[in-house]
Amino acid sequence: MRIVFIGPPGAGKGTQCDRLIRFLQIPHLSTGEMLRETLQQGSALGRQIAGYIDGGNLAPDYLVMRMVKQRLRDRDCRKGCLFDGFPRTIPQAQLLDEHLQELDDAIDLVLYLQCPQEELVKRLLKRATIECRADDNADAISARLNIFRTTTSPLLDYYERHGILRTIDGTLSPVEVTAQIRGHITHSSVDPKRQSQ
């Protein structure tokens, strides 16, 4: 089963991803972690990506897609995976769809953790206090939430048109959110051919 997880900073994606991978026994593909690993490996792809990041820019979609394609070739991804942090934009979503179509595969479900901005800010500021995270100050939080609204939230309409978007109330307790997610997964129609791979 292939699932895309979408949610603004502070919505609880990390917590739910951890629970979901244990439930489904599929890998959690975080593009942030994949980027760090690719850079550490010092491969040709890593050097290309580093050239953009060192210059203060985001890696272009085609390079991020190359990295994702490489990861999808790994044995543990055969039964599915959970995408977290990718796709972030509609062009990335289109590239992912095209690649999966070539493999006679597709995204089964998109889970959107919805949470009001006031609650997100409260959670992130609390996390900053507990974890001493420099990126969770008020200005950084506002910037990150704005990036999500302008860059990532258009994906919701994109996946809604595909009929695979499910919205989860992110203000509920983590246990309740997990229960909602598992319910959507259980009722999601999955290609039996893919499920048996």
C-alpha atoms as a PDB file:
ATOM      1  CA  MET A   1       0.000   0.000   0.000  1.00  0.00           C
ATOM      2  CA  ARG A   2       1.336   3.413  -0.955  1.00  0.00           C
ATOM      3  CA  ILE A   3       0.211   6.314   1.227  1.00  0.00           C
ATOM      4  CA  VAL A   4       1.016  10.025   1.076  1.00  0.00           C
ATOM      5  CA  PHE A   5       0.913  11.801   4.428  1.00  0.00           C
ATOM      6  CA  ILE A   6       0.203  15.557   4.335  1.00  0.00           C
ATOM      7  CA  GLY A   7       0.039  17.974   7.227  1.00  0.00           C
ATOM      8  CA  PRO A   8       1.431  21.317   8.378  1.00  0.00           C
ATOM      9  CA  PRO A   9       4.274  21.521  10.908  1.00  0.00           C
ATOM     10  CA  GLY A  10       2.972  20.531  14.333  1.00  0.00           C
ATOM     11  CA  ALA A  11       0.025  18.480  13.063  1.00  0.00           C
ATOM     12  CA  GLY A  12       1.482  15.262  14.497  1.00  0.00           C
ATOM     13  CA  LYS A  13       2.762  13.609  11.326  1.00  0.00           C
ATOM     14  CA  GLY A  14       5.838  12.152  13.008  1.00  0.00           C
ATOM     15  CA  THR A  15       3.846  10.475  15.756  1.00  0.00           C
ATOM     16  CA  GLN A  16       1.302   9.062  13.338  1.00  0.00           C
ATOM     17  CA  CYS A  17       3.935   7.915  10.827  1.00  0.00           C
ATOM     18  CA  ASP A  18       5.650   5.902  13.565  1.00  0.00           C
ATOM     19  CA  ARG A  19       2.369   4.225  14.483  1.00  0.00           C
ATOM     20  CA  LEU A  20       1.368   3.658  10.876  1.00  0.00           C
ATOM     21  CA  ILE A  21       4.566   1.939   9.783  1.00  0.00           C
ATOM     22  CA  ARG A  22       4.263  -0.477  12.708  1.00  0.00           C
ATOM     23  CA  PHE A  23       0.642  -1.186  11.743  1.00  0.00           C
ATOM     24  CA  LEU A  24       1.290  -1.665   8.005  1.00  0.00           C
ATOM     25  CA  GLN A  25       4.861  -3.010   8.160  1.00  0.00           C
ATOM     26  CA  ILE A  26       6.006  -0.729   5.337  1.00  0.00           C
ATOM     27  CA  PRO A  27       8.894   1.773   5.328  1.00  0.00           C
ATOM     28  CA  HIS A  28       8.547   5.460   6.140  1.00  0.00           C
ATOM     29  CA  LEU A  29      10.100   7.503   3.329  1.00  0.00           C
ATOM     30  CA  SER A  30      11.042  10.919   4.666  1.00  0.00           C
ATOM     31  CA  THR A  31      12.632  13.053   1.978  1.00  0.00           C
ATOM     32  CA  GLY A  32      14.430  15.047   4.667  1.00  0.00           C
ATOM     33  CA  GLU A  33      16.163  11.900   5.907  1.00  0.00           C
ATOM     34  CA  MET A  34      16.788  10.681   2.352  1.00  0.00           C
ATOM     35  CA  LEU A  35      18.420  14.009   1.487  1.00  0.00           C
ATOM     36  CA  ARG A  36      20.736  13.792   4.490  1.00  0.00           C
ATOM     37  CA  GLU A  37      21.698  10.210   3.613  1.00  0.00           C
ATOM     38  CA  THR A  38      22.286  11.093  -0.054  1.00  0.00           C
ATOM     39  CA  LEU A  39      24.526  14.003   0.924  1.00  0.00           C
ATOM     40  CA  GLN A  40      26.504  11.832   3.362  1.00  0.00           C
ATOM     41  CA  GLN A  41      27.088   9.167   0.704  1.00  0.00           C
ATOM     42  CA  GLY A  42      28.859  11.686  -1.505  1.00  0.00           C
ATOM     43  CA  SER A  43      27.382  10.144  -4.646  1.00  0.00           C
ATOM     44  CA  ALA A  44      27.079  12.036  -7.929  1.00  0.00           C
ATOM     45  CA  LEU A  45      23.415  12.701  -7.083  1.00  0.00           C
ATOM     46  CA  GLY A  46      24.404  13.843  -3.607  1.00  0.00           C
ATOM     47  CA  ARG A  47      26.953  16.280  -5.035  1.00  0.00           C
ATOM     48  CA  GLN A  48      24.343  17.705  -7.424  1.00  0.00           C
ATOM     49  CA  ILE A  49      21.851  18.194  -4.603  1.00  0.00           C
ATOM     50  CA  ALA A  50      24.540  19.662  -2.345  1.00  0.00           C
ATOM     51  CA  GLY A  51      25.276  22.290  -4.988  1.00  0.00           C
ATOM     52  CA  TYR A  52      21.754  23.643  -4.615  1.00  0.00           C
ATOM     53  CA  ILE A  53      21.476  23.313  -0.843  1.00  0.00           C
ATOM     54  CA  ASP A  54      24.880  24.904  -0.205  1.00  0.00           C
ATOM     55  CA  GLY A  55      23.714  27.848  -2.295  1.00  0.00           C
ATOM     56  CA  GLY A  56      20.668  28.262  -0.058  1.00  0.00           C
ATOM     57  CA  ASN A  57      18.223  26.836  -2.608  1.00  0.00           C
ATOM     58  CA  LEU A  58      15.841  23.897  -2.673  1.00  0.00           C
ATOM     59  CA  ALA A  59      16.875  20.937  -4.798  1.00  0.00           C
ATOM     60  CA  PRO A  60      14.886  20.947  -8.073  1.00  0.00           C
ATOM     61  CA  ASP A  61      11.998  18.521  -8.467  1.00  0.00           C
ATOM     62  CA  TYR A  62      13.757  16.282 -10.992  1.00  0.00           C
ATOM     63  CA  LEU A  63      16.683  15.661  -8.604  1.00  0.00           C
ATOM     64  CA  VAL A  64      14.385  14.959  -5.646  1.00  0.00           C
ATOM     65  CA  MET A  65      12.438  12.570  -7.886  1.00  0.00           C
ATOM     66  CA  ARG A  66      15.651  10.770  -8.859  1.00  0.00           C
ATOM     67  CA  MET A  67      16.400  10.273  -5.177  1.00  0.00           C
ATOM     68  CA  VAL A  68      12.876   8.953  -4.516  1.00  0.00           C
ATOM     69  CA  LYS A  69      13.087   6.591  -7.503  1.00  0.00           C
ATOM     70  CA  GLN A  70      16.330   5.131  -6.158  1.00  0.00           C
ATOM     71  CA  ARG A  71      14.726   4.534  -2.768  1.00  0.00           C
ATOM     72  CA  LEU A  72      11.646   2.901  -4.310  1.00  0.00           C
ATOM     73  CA  ARG A  73      13.906   0.286  -5.945  1.00  0.00           C
ATOM     74  CA  ASP A  74      14.872  -1.054  -2.519  1.00  0.00           C
ATOM     75  CA  ARG A  75      13.458  -4.405  -1.524  1.00  0.00           C
ATOM     76  CA  ASP A  76      11.594  -3.109   1.538  1.00  0.00           C
ATOM     77  CA  CYS A  77       9.448  -0.830  -0.661  1.00  0.00           C
ATOM     78  CA  ARG A  78       7.953  -3.647  -2.735  1.00  0.00           C
ATOM     79  CA  LYS A  79       4.851  -4.018  -0.554  1.00  0.00           C
ATOM     80  CA  GLY A  80       4.368  -0.268  -0.261  1.00  0.00           C
ATOM     81  CA  CYS A  81       5.612   2.763   1.600  1.00  0.00           C
ATOM     82  CA  LEU A  82       4.546   5.850   3.460  1.00  0.00           C
ATOM     83  CA  PHE A  83       5.575   9.138   1.806  1.00  0.00           C
ATOM     84  CA  ASP A  84       6.259  11.907   4.324  1.00  0.00           C
ATOM     85  CA  GLY A  85       7.476  15.280   3.061  1.00  0.00           C
ATOM     86  CA  PHE A  86       7.039  14.237  -0.542  1.00  0.00           C
ATOM     87  CA  PRO A  87       5.404  15.298  -2.710  1.00  0.00           C
ATOM     88  CA  ARG A  88       5.418  18.910  -1.505  1.00  0.00           C
ATOM     89  CA  THR A  89       4.162  20.462  -4.746  1.00  0.00           C
ATOM     90  CA  ILE A  90       1.819  19.558  -7.588  1.00  0.00           C
ATOM     91  CA  PRO A  91       4.719  19.111 -10.065  1.00  0.00           C
ATOM     92  CA  GLN A  92       6.311  16.633  -7.639  1.00  0.00           C
ATOM     93  CA  ALA A  93       2.982  14.804  -7.293  1.00  0.00           C
ATOM     94  CA  GLN A  94       2.698  14.561 -11.072  1.00  0.00           C
ATOM     95  CA  LEU A  95       6.251  13.200 -11.368  1.00  0.00           C
ATOM     96  CA  LEU A  96       5.500  10.612  -8.697  1.00  0.00           C
ATOM     97  CA  ASP A  97       2.254   9.578 -10.403  1.00  0.00           C
ATOM     98  CA  GLU A  98       4.045   9.201 -13.744  1.00  0.00           C
ATOM     99  CA  HIS A  99       6.775   7.061 -12.216  1.00  0.00           C
ATOM    100  CA  LEU A 100       4.318   4.801 -10.394  1.00  0.00           C
ATOM    101  CA  GLN A 101       2.235   4.405 -13.561  1.00  0.00           C
ATOM    102  CA  GLU A 102       5.346   3.131 -15.335  1.00  0.00           C
ATOM    103  CA  LEU A 103       5.548   0.468 -12.613  1.00  0.00           C
ATOM    104  CA  ASP A 104       1.830  -0.343 -12.939  1.00  0.00           C
ATOM    105  CA  ASP A 105       1.416   1.106  -9.465  1.00  0.00           C
ATOM    106  CA  ALA A 106      -0.328   4.097  -7.880  1.00  0.00           C
ATOM    107  CA  ILE A 107      -0.938   6.028  -4.678  1.00  0.00           C
ATOM    108  CA  ASP A 108      -3.681   4.257  -2.738  1.00  0.00           C
ATOM    109  CA  LEU A 109      -4.504   6.865  -0.129  1.00  0.00           C
ATOM    110  CA  VAL A 110      -3.625  10.427   0.888  1.00  0.00           C
ATOM    111  CA  LEU A 111      -4.059  11.277   4.575  1.00  0.00           C
ATOM    112  CA  TYR A 112      -4.345  14.955   5.504  1.00  0.00           C
ATOM    113  CA  LEU A 113      -3.904  15.896   9.154  1.00  0.00           C
ATOM    114  CA  GLN A 114      -5.961  19.064   9.520  1.00  0.00           C
ATOM    115  CA  CYS A 115      -5.328  21.367  12.467  1.00  0.00           C
ATOM    116  CA  PRO A 116      -6.115  25.076  13.145  1.00  0.00           C
ATOM    117  CA  GLN A 117      -3.159  27.460  13.041  1.00  0.00           C
ATOM    118  CA  GLU A 118      -3.616  28.535  16.677  1.00  0.00           C
ATOM    119  CA  GLU A 119      -3.251  24.922  17.821  1.00  0.00           C
ATOM    120  CA  LEU A 120      -0.245  24.362  15.556  1.00  0.00           C
ATOM    121  CA  VAL A 121       1.570  27.413  16.933  1.00  0.00           C
ATOM    122  CA  LYS A 122       0.823  26.337  20.517  1.00  0.00           C
ATOM    123  CA  ARG A 123       2.158  22.834  19.877  1.00  0.00           C
ATOM    124  CA  LEU A 124       5.298  24.038  18.116  1.00  0.00           C
ATOM    125  CA  LEU A 125       6.145  26.563  20.819  1.00  0.00           C
ATOM    126  CA  LYS A 126       5.666  23.871  23.455  1.00  0.00           C
ATOM    127  CA  ARG A 127       7.922  21.530  21.463  1.00  0.00           C
ATOM    128  CA  ALA A 128      10.534  24.278  21.218  1.00  0.00           C
ATOM    129  CA  THR A 129      10.583  24.585  24.991  1.00  0.00           C
ATOM    130  CA  ILE A 130      10.836  20.822  25.562  1.00  0.00           C
ATOM    131  CA  GLU A 131      13.295  19.967  22.787  1.00  0.00           C
ATOM    132  CA  CYS A 132      15.172  23.301  22.572  1.00  0.00           C
ATOM    133  CA  ARG A 133      14.551  23.412  18.810  1.00  0.00           C
ATOM    134  CA  ALA A 134      15.864  26.612  17.261  1.00  0.00           C
ATOM    135  CA  ASP A 135      13.529  26.246  14.255  1.00  0.00           C
ATOM    136  CA  ASP A 136      10.428  26.458  16.460  1.00  0.00           C
ATOM    137  CA  ASN A 137      10.568  30.161  17.347  1.00  0.00           C
ATOM    138  CA  ALA A 138       7.568  32.363  16.504  1.00  0.00           C
ATOM    139  CA  ASP A 139       9.018  33.840  13.282  1.00  0.00           C
ATOM    140  CA  ALA A 140      10.223  30.482  11.958  1.00  0.00           C
ATOM    141  CA  ILE A 141       6.877  28.861  12.778  1.00  0.00           C
ATOM    142  CA  SER A 142       4.978  31.564  10.904  1.00  0.00           C
ATOM    143  CA  ALA A 143       7.275  31.177   7.872  1.00  0.00           C
ATOM    144  CA  ARG A 144       6.931  27.380   7.817  1.00  0.00           C
ATOM    145  CA  LEU A 145       3.148  27.510   8.089  1.00  0.00           C
ATOM    146  CA  ASN A 146       3.026  30.064   5.264  1.00  0.00           C
ATOM    147  CA  ILE A 147       5.159  27.804   3.057  1.00  0.00           C
ATOM    148  CA  PHE A 148       2.766  24.931   3.740  1.00  0.00           C
ATOM    149  CA  ARG A 149      -0.262  27.075   2.836  1.00  0.00           C
ATOM    150  CA  THR A 150       1.190  28.412  -0.399  1.00  0.00           C
ATOM    151  CA  THR A 151       3.227  25.443  -1.644  1.00  0.00           C
ATOM    152  CA  THR A 152       1.814  22.221  -0.236  1.00  0.00           C
ATOM    153  CA  SER A 153      -1.894  22.842   0.426  1.00  0.00           C
ATOM    154  CA  PRO A 154      -2.740  22.937  -3.342  1.00  0.00           C
ATOM    155  CA  LEU A 155      -2.002  19.191  -3.256  1.00  0.00           C
ATOM    156  CA  LEU A 156      -5.234  18.724  -1.329  1.00  0.00           C
ATOM    157  CA  ASP A 157      -7.328  19.720  -4.354  1.00  0.00           C
ATOM    158  CA  TYR A 158      -5.098  17.640  -6.610  1.00  0.00           C
ATOM    159  CA  TYR A 159      -5.634  14.469  -4.594  1.00  0.00           C
ATOM    160  CA  GLU A 160      -9.291  15.277  -3.944  1.00  0.00           C
ATOM    161  CA  ARG A 161      -9.828  15.202  -7.711  1.00  0.00           C
ATOM    162  CA  HIS A 162      -8.198  11.756  -7.739  1.00  0.00           C
ATOM    163  CA  GLY A 163     -10.695  10.617  -5.107  1.00  0.00           C
ATOM    164  CA  ILE A 164      -8.042   9.364  -2.672  1.00  0.00           C
ATOM    165  CA  LEU A 165      -7.846  12.227  -0.134  1.00  0.00           C
ATOM    166  CA  ARG A 166      -9.050  11.581   3.419  1.00  0.00           C
ATOM    167  CA  THR A 167      -9.058  14.352   6.020  1.00  0.00           C
ATOM    168  CA  ILE A 168      -8.224  13.550   9.640  1.00  0.00           C
ATOM    169  CA  ASP A 169      -9.060  15.809  12.608  1.00  0.00           C
ATOM    170  CA  GLY A 170      -5.587  16.541  13.940  1.00  0.00           C
ATOM    171  CA  THR A 171      -6.918  18.189  17.116  1.00  0.00           C
ATOM    172  CA  LEU A 172      -7.963  14.809  18.523  1.00  0.00           C
ATOM    173  CA  SER A 173      -5.705  12.815  20.835  1.00  0.00           C
ATOM    174  CA  PRO A 174      -2.939  10.802  19.127  1.00  0.00           C
ATOM    175  CA  VAL A 175      -4.811   7.571  19.889  1.00  0.00           C
ATOM    176  CA  GLU A 176      -8.018   8.907  18.313  1.00  0.00           C
ATOM    177  CA  VAL A 177      -6.138  10.169  15.258  1.00  0.00           C
ATOM    178  CA  THR A 178      -4.535   6.746  14.817  1.00  0.00           C
ATOM    179  CA  ALA A 179      -7.963   5.096  15.048  1.00  0.00           C
ATOM    180  CA  GLN A 180      -9.322   7.398  12.310  1.00  0.00           C
ATOM    181  CA  ILE A 181      -6.333   6.678  10.090  1.00  0.00           C
ATOM    182  CA  ARG A 182      -6.634   2.921  10.532  1.00  0.00           C
ATOM    183  CA  GLY A 183     -10.326   3.153   9.690  1.00  0.00           C
ATOM    184  CA  HIS A 184      -9.593   4.942   6.413  1.00  0.00           C
ATOM    185  CA  ILE A 185      -6.913   2.411   5.533  1.00  0.00           C
ATOM    186  CA  THR A 186      -9.216  -0.507   6.267  1.00  0.00           C
ATOM    187  CA  HIS A 187     -11.975   0.935   4.075  1.00  0.00           C
ATOM    188  CA  SER A 188      -9.630   2.031   1.286  1.00  0.00           C
ATOM    189  CA  SER A 189      -9.905  -0.016  -1.887  1.00  0.00           C
ATOM    190  CA  VAL A 190      -6.522  -1.517  -2.676  1.00  0.00           C
ATOM    191  CA  ASP A 191      -5.559  -3.377  -5.822  1.00  0.00           C
ATOM    192  CA  PRO A 192      -5.330  -7.044  -4.673  1.00  0.00           C
ATOM    193  CA  LYS A 193      -2.506  -7.636  -7.174  1.00  0.00           C
ATOM    194  CA  ARG A 194      -0.393  -4.968  -5.479  1.00  0.00           C
ATOM    195  CA  GLN A 195      -1.336  -6.109  -1.991  1.00  0.00           C
ATOM    196  CA  SER A 196      -0.037  -9.616  -2.660  1.00  0.00           C
ATOM    197  CA  GLN A 197       3.341  -8.539  -4.018  1.00  0.00           C
END
